[in-house]
Amino acid sequence: MQTFLVILLIAAMIATVVALVRGIVTFLQQSTAEAHGDAPSASALKSNRMMQQRILFQAIAVVIVVILLFAAGRT
């Protein structure tokens, strides 16, 4: 069971890093013309969505760590 949770934790950590990098790259690709528009650009919306996914993956990783700590405390 612990091996499975460790694998899930590693997958969640990798997903967090991927979402972070994709969000930063998308953010950096925005031009200054898009940043001064009235409505958010498609690039800004994509960057925001990637950062929300990063937060989700981080939360999943934290929950897995808590489960691992509880499992380790019971043995």
PDB file of N, CA and C in Angstrom:
ATOM      1  N   MET A   1       0.823  -1.189   0.000  1.00  0.00           N
ATOM      2  CA  MET A   1       0.000   0.000   0.000  1.00  0.00           C
ATOM      3  C   MET A   1       0.872   1.259   0.000  1.00  0.00           C
ATOM      4  N   GLN A   2       1.934   1.250   0.814  1.00  0.00           N
ATOM      5  CA  GLN A   2       2.799   2.427   0.867  1.00  0.00           C
ATOM      6  C   GLN A   2       3.514   2.652  -0.463  1.00  0.00           C
ATOM      7  N   THR A   3       3.902   1.582  -1.122  1.00  0.00           N
ATOM      8  CA  THR A   3       4.564   1.720  -2.424  1.00  0.00           C
ATOM      9  C   THR A   3       3.626   2.384  -3.418  1.00  0.00           C
ATOM     10  N   PHE A   4       2.378   1.986  -3.411  1.00  0.00           N
ATOM     11  CA  PHE A   4       1.384   2.577  -4.307  1.00  0.00           C
ATOM     12  C   PHE A   4       1.216   4.068  -4.020  1.00  0.00           C
ATOM     13  N   LEU A   5       1.151   4.436  -2.737  1.00  0.00           N
ATOM     14  CA  LEU A   5       1.003   5.840  -2.364  1.00  0.00           C
ATOM     15  C   LEU A   5       2.239   6.658  -2.738  1.00  0.00           C
ATOM     16  N   VAL A   6       3.417   6.063  -2.601  1.00  0.00           N
ATOM     17  CA  VAL A   6       4.640   6.767  -2.998  1.00  0.00           C
ATOM     18  C   VAL A   6       4.646   7.006  -4.498  1.00  0.00           C
ATOM     19  N   ILE A   7       4.207   6.035  -5.272  1.00  0.00           N
ATOM     20  CA  ILE A   7       4.115   6.208  -6.724  1.00  0.00           C
ATOM     21  C   ILE A   7       3.116   7.302  -7.064  1.00  0.00           C
ATOM     22  N   LEU A   8       1.973   7.307  -6.381  1.00  0.00           N
ATOM     23  CA  LEU A   8       0.994   8.375  -6.593  1.00  0.00           C
ATOM     24  C   LEU A   8       1.560   9.739  -6.214  1.00  0.00           C
ATOM     25  N   LEU A   9       2.320   9.791  -5.139  1.00  0.00           N
ATOM     26  CA  LEU A   9       2.933  11.045  -4.708  1.00  0.00           C
ATOM     27  C   LEU A   9       3.915  11.555  -5.756  1.00  0.00           C
ATOM     28  N   ILE A  10       4.732  10.685  -6.280  1.00  0.00           N
ATOM     29  CA  ILE A  10       5.691  11.087  -7.314  1.00  0.00           C
ATOM     30  C   ILE A  10       4.956  11.574  -8.557  1.00  0.00           C
ATOM     31  N   ALA A  11       3.885  10.886  -8.932  1.00  0.00           N
ATOM     32  CA  ALA A  11       3.093  11.319 -10.090  1.00  0.00           C
ATOM     33  C   ALA A  11       2.469  12.691  -9.847  1.00  0.00           C
ATOM     34  N   ALA A  12       1.966  12.929  -8.646  1.00  0.00           N
ATOM     35  CA  ALA A  12       1.377  14.230  -8.324  1.00  0.00           C
ATOM     36  C   ALA A  12       2.436  15.329  -8.328  1.00  0.00           C
ATOM     37  N   MET A  13       3.626  15.017  -7.855  1.00  0.00           N
ATOM     38  CA  MET A  13       4.701  16.003  -7.859  1.00  0.00           C
ATOM     39  C   MET A  13       5.138  16.330  -9.279  1.00  0.00           C
ATOM     40  N   ILE A  14       5.240  15.324 -10.126  1.00  0.00           N
ATOM     41  CA  ILE A  14       5.604  15.561 -11.525  1.00  0.00           C
ATOM     42  C   ILE A  14       4.521  16.386 -12.208  1.00  0.00           C
ATOM     43  N   ALA A  15       3.257  16.065 -11.965  1.00  0.00           N
ATOM     44  CA  ALA A  15       2.156  16.822 -12.560  1.00  0.00           C
ATOM     45  C   ALA A  15       2.182  18.273 -12.093  1.00  0.00           C
ATOM     46  N   THR A  16       2.541  18.498 -10.835  1.00  0.00           N
ATOM     47  CA  THR A  16       2.646  19.860 -10.313  1.00  0.00           C
ATOM     48  C   THR A  16       3.724  20.648 -11.044  1.00  0.00           C
ATOM     49  N   VAL A  17       4.879  20.036 -11.229  1.00  0.00           N
ATOM     50  CA  VAL A  17       5.979  20.721 -11.915  1.00  0.00           C
ATOM     51  C   VAL A  17       5.613  21.002 -13.372  1.00  0.00           C
ATOM     52  N   VAL A  18       4.979  20.038 -14.035  1.00  0.00           N
ATOM     53  CA  VAL A  18       4.588  20.228 -15.433  1.00  0.00           C
ATOM     54  C   VAL A  18       3.579  21.366 -15.552  1.00  0.00           C
ATOM     55  N   ALA A  19       2.593  21.390 -14.678  1.00  0.00           N
ATOM     56  CA  ALA A  19       1.596  22.466 -14.717  1.00  0.00           C
ATOM     57  C   ALA A  19       2.239  23.812 -14.422  1.00  0.00           C
ATOM     58  N   LEU A  20       3.177  23.842 -13.488  1.00  0.00           N
ATOM     59  CA  LEU A  20       3.876  25.083 -13.163  1.00  0.00           C
ATOM     60  C   LEU A  20       4.661  25.598 -14.363  1.00  0.00           C
ATOM     61  N   VAL A  21       5.434  24.733 -14.986  1.00  0.00           N
ATOM     62  CA  VAL A  21       6.252  25.143 -16.125  1.00  0.00           C
ATOM     63  C   VAL A  21       5.373  25.593 -17.289  1.00  0.00           C
ATOM     64  N   ARG A  22       4.316  24.834 -17.573  1.00  0.00           N
ATOM     65  CA  ARG A  22       3.425  25.229 -18.668  1.00  0.00           C
ATOM     66  C   ARG A  22       2.755  26.571 -18.381  1.00  0.00           C
ATOM     67  N   GLY A  23       2.355  26.799 -17.154  1.00  0.00           N
ATOM     68  CA  GLY A  23       1.731  28.064 -16.785  1.00  0.00           C
ATOM     69  C   GLY A  23       2.693  29.230 -16.911  1.00  0.00           C
ATOM     70  N   ILE A  24       3.933  29.030 -16.487  1.00  0.00           N
ATOM     71  CA  ILE A  24       4.930  30.101 -16.584  1.00  0.00           C
ATOM     72  C   ILE A  24       5.268  30.389 -18.035  1.00  0.00           C
ATOM     73  N   VAL A  25       5.443  29.340 -18.841  1.00  0.00           N
ATOM     74  CA  VAL A  25       5.749  29.537 -20.262  1.00  0.00           C
ATOM     75  C   VAL A  25       4.617  30.279 -20.950  1.00  0.00           C
ATOM     76  N   THR A  26       3.389  29.905 -20.665  1.00  0.00           N
ATOM     77  CA  THR A  26       2.246  30.589 -21.265  1.00  0.00           C
ATOM     78  C   THR A  26       2.194  32.041 -20.822  1.00  0.00           C
ATOM     79  N   PHE A  27       2.471  32.270 -19.557  1.00  0.00           N
ATOM     80  CA  PHE A  27       2.477  33.637 -19.043  1.00  0.00           C
ATOM     81  C   PHE A  27       3.547  34.480 -19.733  1.00  0.00           C
ATOM     82  N   LEU A  28       4.724  33.915 -19.932  1.00  0.00           N
ATOM     83  CA  LEU A  28       5.817  34.656 -20.544  1.00  0.00           C
ATOM     84  C   LEU A  28       5.587  34.905 -22.032  1.00  0.00           C
ATOM     85  N   GLN A  29       4.758  34.106 -22.677  1.00  0.00           N
ATOM     86  CA  GLN A  29       4.491  34.275 -24.098  1.00  0.00           C
ATOM     87  C   GLN A  29       3.505  35.399 -24.380  1.00  0.00           C
ATOM     88  N   GLN A  30       2.856  35.898 -23.373  1.00  0.00           N
ATOM     89  CA  GLN A  30       1.902  36.982 -23.582  1.00  0.00           C
ATOM     90  C   GLN A  30       2.653  38.221 -24.040  1.00  0.00           C
ATOM     91  N   SER A  31       2.119  38.887 -25.021  1.00  0.00           N
ATOM     92  CA  SER A  31       2.743  40.136 -25.461  1.00  0.00           C
ATOM     93  C   SER A  31       2.211  41.280 -24.617  1.00  0.00           C
ATOM     94  N   THR A  32       2.891  42.404 -24.654  1.00  0.00           N
ATOM     95  CA  THR A  32       2.447  43.551 -23.868  1.00  0.00           C
ATOM     96  C   THR A  32       1.136  44.099 -24.415  1.00  0.00           C
ATOM     97  N   ALA A  33       0.889  43.911 -25.708  1.00  0.00           N
ATOM     98  CA  ALA A  33      -0.375  44.378 -26.288  1.00  0.00           C
ATOM     99  C   ALA A  33      -1.549  43.602 -25.706  1.00  0.00           C
ATOM    100  N   GLU A  34      -1.376  42.301 -25.497  1.00  0.00           N
ATOM    101  CA  GLU A  34      -2.449  41.499 -24.915  1.00  0.00           C
ATOM    102  C   GLU A  34      -2.673  41.872 -23.448  1.00  0.00           C
ATOM    103  N   ALA A  35      -1.614  42.216 -22.767  1.00  0.00           N
ATOM    104  CA  ALA A  35      -1.725  42.521 -21.339  1.00  0.00           C
ATOM    105  C   ALA A  35      -2.500  43.812 -21.085  1.00  0.00           C
ATOM    106  N   HIS A  36      -2.528  44.723 -22.065  1.00  0.00           N
ATOM    107  CA  HIS A  36      -3.207  46.000 -21.877  1.00  0.00           C
ATOM    108  C   HIS A  36      -4.622  46.015 -22.445  1.00  0.00           C
ATOM    109  N   GLY A  37      -5.116  44.883 -22.892  1.00  0.00           N
ATOM    110  CA  GLY A  37      -6.474  44.817 -23.429  1.00  0.00           C
ATOM    111  C   GLY A  37      -7.515  44.898 -22.336  1.00  0.00           C
ATOM    112  N   ASP A  38      -8.758  45.144 -22.746  1.00  0.00           N
ATOM    113  CA  ASP A  38      -9.846  45.245 -21.774  1.00  0.00           C
ATOM    114  C   ASP A  38     -10.232  43.885 -21.209  1.00  0.00           C
ATOM    115  N   ALA A  39     -10.341  42.914 -22.078  1.00  0.00           N
ATOM    116  CA  ALA A  39     -10.733  41.565 -21.646  1.00  0.00           C
ATOM    117  C   ALA A  39      -9.481  40.695 -21.556  1.00  0.00           C
ATOM    118  N   PRO A  40      -9.526  39.667 -20.718  1.00  0.00           N
ATOM    119  CA  PRO A  40      -8.365  38.779 -20.635  1.00  0.00           C
ATOM    120  C   PRO A  40      -8.166  38.036 -21.962  1.00  0.00           C
ATOM    121  N   SER A  41      -6.922  37.906 -22.366  1.00  0.00           N
ATOM    122  CA  SER A  41      -6.614  37.219 -23.616  1.00  0.00           C
ATOM    123  C   SER A  41      -6.709  35.711 -23.417  1.00  0.00           C
ATOM    124  N   ALA A  42      -6.705  34.988 -24.524  1.00  0.00           N
ATOM    125  CA  ALA A  42      -6.746  33.523 -24.457  1.00  0.00           C
ATOM    126  C   ALA A  42      -5.501  32.990 -23.757  1.00  0.00           C
ATOM    127  N   SER A  43      -4.372  33.639 -23.988  1.00  0.00           N
ATOM    128  CA  SER A  43      -3.130  33.228 -23.345  1.00  0.00           C
ATOM    129  C   SER A  43      -3.199  33.433 -21.833  1.00  0.00           C
ATOM    130  N   ALA A  44      -3.779  34.535 -21.410  1.00  0.00           N
ATOM    131  CA  ALA A  44      -3.911  34.800 -19.974  1.00  0.00           C
ATOM    132  C   ALA A  44      -4.850  33.793 -19.323  1.00  0.00           C
ATOM    133  N   LEU A  45      -5.921  33.456 -20.022  1.00  0.00           N
ATOM    134  CA  LEU A  45      -6.852  32.464 -19.476  1.00  0.00           C
ATOM    135  C   LEU A  45      -6.197  31.091 -19.363  1.00  0.00           C
ATOM    136  N   LYS A  46      -5.385  30.736 -20.356  1.00  0.00           N
ATOM    137  CA  LYS A  46      -4.686  29.446 -20.321  1.00  0.00           C
ATOM    138  C   LYS A  46      -3.678  29.423 -19.174  1.00  0.00           C
ATOM    139  N   SER A  47      -2.949  30.529 -18.994  1.00  0.00           N
ATOM    140  CA  SER A  47      -1.992  30.611 -17.901  1.00  0.00           C
ATOM    141  C   SER A  47      -2.691  30.468 -16.553  1.00  0.00           C
ATOM    142  N   ASN A  48      -3.830  31.131 -16.410  1.00  0.00           N
ATOM    143  CA  ASN A  48      -4.599  31.053 -15.169  1.00  0.00           C
ATOM    144  C   ASN A  48      -5.076  29.627 -14.924  1.00  0.00           C
ATOM    145  N   ARG A  49      -5.553  28.966 -15.970  1.00  0.00           N
ATOM    146  CA  ARG A  49      -6.028  27.585 -15.844  1.00  0.00           C
ATOM    147  C   ARG A  49      -4.887  26.644 -15.432  1.00  0.00           C
ATOM    148  N   MET A  50      -3.687  26.865 -16.002  1.00  0.00           N
ATOM    149  CA  MET A  50      -2.548  26.016 -15.643  1.00  0.00           C
ATOM    150  C   MET A  50      -2.143  26.230 -14.180  1.00  0.00           C
ATOM    151  N   MET A  51      -2.209  27.455 -13.703  1.00  0.00           N
ATOM    152  CA  MET A  51      -1.872  27.708 -12.313  1.00  0.00           C
ATOM    153  C   MET A  51      -2.914  27.096 -11.363  1.00  0.00           C
ATOM    154  N   GLN A  52      -4.171  27.082 -11.784  1.00  0.00           N
ATOM    155  CA  GLN A  52      -5.201  26.420 -10.978  1.00  0.00           C
ATOM    156  C   GLN A  52      -4.957  24.918 -10.930  1.00  0.00           C
ATOM    157  N   GLN A  53      -4.531  24.340 -12.044  1.00  0.00           N
ATOM    158  CA  GLN A  53      -4.206  22.918 -12.050  1.00  0.00           C
ATOM    159  C   GLN A  53      -3.014  22.633 -11.151  1.00  0.00           C
ATOM    160  N   ARG A  54      -2.036  23.538 -11.130  1.00  0.00           N
ATOM    161  CA  ARG A  54      -0.882  23.356 -10.257  1.00  0.00           C
ATOM    162  C   ARG A  54      -1.318  23.299  -8.796  1.00  0.00           C
ATOM    163  N   ILE A  55      -2.220  24.180  -8.428  1.00  0.00           N
ATOM    164  CA  ILE A  55      -2.714  24.194  -7.049  1.00  0.00           C
ATOM    165  C   ILE A  55      -3.447  22.892  -6.731  1.00  0.00           C
ATOM    166  N   LEU A  56      -4.236  22.400  -7.678  1.00  0.00           N
ATOM    167  CA  LEU A  56      -4.937  21.135  -7.484  1.00  0.00           C
ATOM    168  C   LEU A  56      -3.951  19.990  -7.282  1.00  0.00           C
ATOM    169  N   PHE A  57      -2.924  19.909  -8.137  1.00  0.00           N
ATOM    170  CA  PHE A  57      -1.936  18.837  -8.013  1.00  0.00           C
ATOM    171  C   PHE A  57      -1.155  18.945  -6.711  1.00  0.00           C
ATOM    172  N   GLN A  58      -0.876  20.167  -6.263  1.00  0.00           N
ATOM    173  CA  GLN A  58      -0.199  20.333  -4.984  1.00  0.00           C
ATOM    174  C   GLN A  58      -1.076  19.840  -3.840  1.00  0.00           C
ATOM    175  N   ALA A  59      -2.358  20.129  -3.900  1.00  0.00           N
ATOM    176  CA  ALA A  59      -3.277  19.672  -2.857  1.00  0.00           C
ATOM    177  C   ALA A  59      -3.334  18.147  -2.821  1.00  0.00           C
ATOM    178  N   ILE A  60      -3.364  17.534  -3.995  1.00  0.00           N
ATOM    179  CA  ILE A  60      -3.371  16.068  -4.066  1.00  0.00           C
ATOM    180  C   ILE A  60      -2.095  15.508  -3.443  1.00  0.00           C
ATOM    181  N   ALA A  61      -0.952  16.128  -3.750  1.00  0.00           N
ATOM    182  CA  ALA A  61       0.318  15.663  -3.189  1.00  0.00           C
ATOM    183  C   ALA A  61       0.330  15.794  -1.669  1.00  0.00           C
ATOM    184  N   VAL A  62      -0.204  16.885  -1.150  1.00  0.00           N
ATOM    185  CA  VAL A  62      -0.246  17.079   0.301  1.00  0.00           C
ATOM    186  C   VAL A  62      -1.131  16.026   0.957  1.00  0.00           C
ATOM    187  N   VAL A  63      -2.271  15.726   0.367  1.00  0.00           N
ATOM    188  CA  VAL A  63      -3.171  14.706   0.916  1.00  0.00           C
ATOM    189  C   VAL A  63      -2.477  13.341   0.929  1.00  0.00           C
ATOM    190  N   ILE A  64      -1.749  13.021  -0.132  1.00  0.00           N
ATOM    191  CA  ILE A  64      -1.034  11.737  -0.180  1.00  0.00           C
ATOM    192  C   ILE A  64       0.045  11.691   0.899  1.00  0.00           C
ATOM    193  N   VAL A  65       0.746  12.795   1.116  1.00  0.00           N
ATOM    194  CA  VAL A  65       1.767  12.831   2.168  1.00  0.00           C
ATOM    195  C   VAL A  65       1.126  12.628   3.536  1.00  0.00           C
ATOM    196  N   VAL A  66      -0.009  13.239   3.776  1.00  0.00           N
ATOM    197  CA  VAL A  66      -0.710  13.068   5.055  1.00  0.00           C
ATOM    198  C   VAL A  66      -1.106  11.609   5.244  1.00  0.00           C
ATOM    199  N   ILE A  67      -1.624  10.988   4.192  1.00  0.00           N
ATOM    200  CA  ILE A  67      -1.998   9.569   4.282  1.00  0.00           C
ATOM    201  C   ILE A  67      -0.778   8.712   4.565  1.00  0.00           C
ATOM    202  N   LEU A  68       0.345   9.005   3.897  1.00  0.00           N
ATOM    203  CA  LEU A  68       1.579   8.250   4.154  1.00  0.00           C
ATOM    204  C   LEU A  68       2.054   8.428   5.591  1.00  0.00           C
ATOM    205  N   LEU A  69       1.963   9.645   6.117  1.00  0.00           N
ATOM    206  CA  LEU A  69       2.388   9.879   7.499  1.00  0.00           C
ATOM    207  C   LEU A  69       1.491   9.152   8.497  1.00  0.00           C
ATOM    208  N   PHE A  70       0.185   9.147   8.246  1.00  0.00           N
ATOM    209  CA  PHE A  70      -0.708   8.399   9.115  1.00  0.00           C
ATOM    210  C   PHE A  70      -0.429   6.908   9.044  1.00  0.00           C
ATOM    211  N   ALA A  71      -0.173   6.401   7.845  1.00  0.00           N
ATOM    212  CA  ALA A  71       0.130   4.972   7.680  1.00  0.00           C
ATOM    213  C   ALA A  71       1.452   4.628   8.378  1.00  0.00           C
ATOM    214  N   ALA A  72       2.432   5.492   8.301  1.00  0.00           N
ATOM    215  CA  ALA A  72       3.726   5.227   8.951  1.00  0.00           C
ATOM    216  C   ALA A  72       3.588   5.292  10.470  1.00  0.00           C
ATOM    217  N   GLY A  73       2.712   6.128  10.973  1.00  0.00           N
ATOM    218  CA  GLY A  73       2.531   6.251  12.419  1.00  0.00           C
ATOM    219  C   GLY A  73       1.826   5.061  13.026  1.00  0.00           C
ATOM    220  N   ARG A  74       1.090   4.334  12.237  1.00  0.00           N
ATOM    221  CA  ARG A  74       0.341   3.177  12.749  1.00  0.00           C
ATOM    222  C   ARG A  74       1.162   1.909  12.784  1.00  0.00           C
ATOM    223  N   THR A  75       2.327   1.897  12.147  1.00  0.00           N
ATOM    224  CA  THR A  75       3.126   0.667  12.133  1.00  0.00           C
ATOM    225  C   THR A  75       4.092   0.608  13.272  1.00  0.00           C
TER     226      THR A  75
END
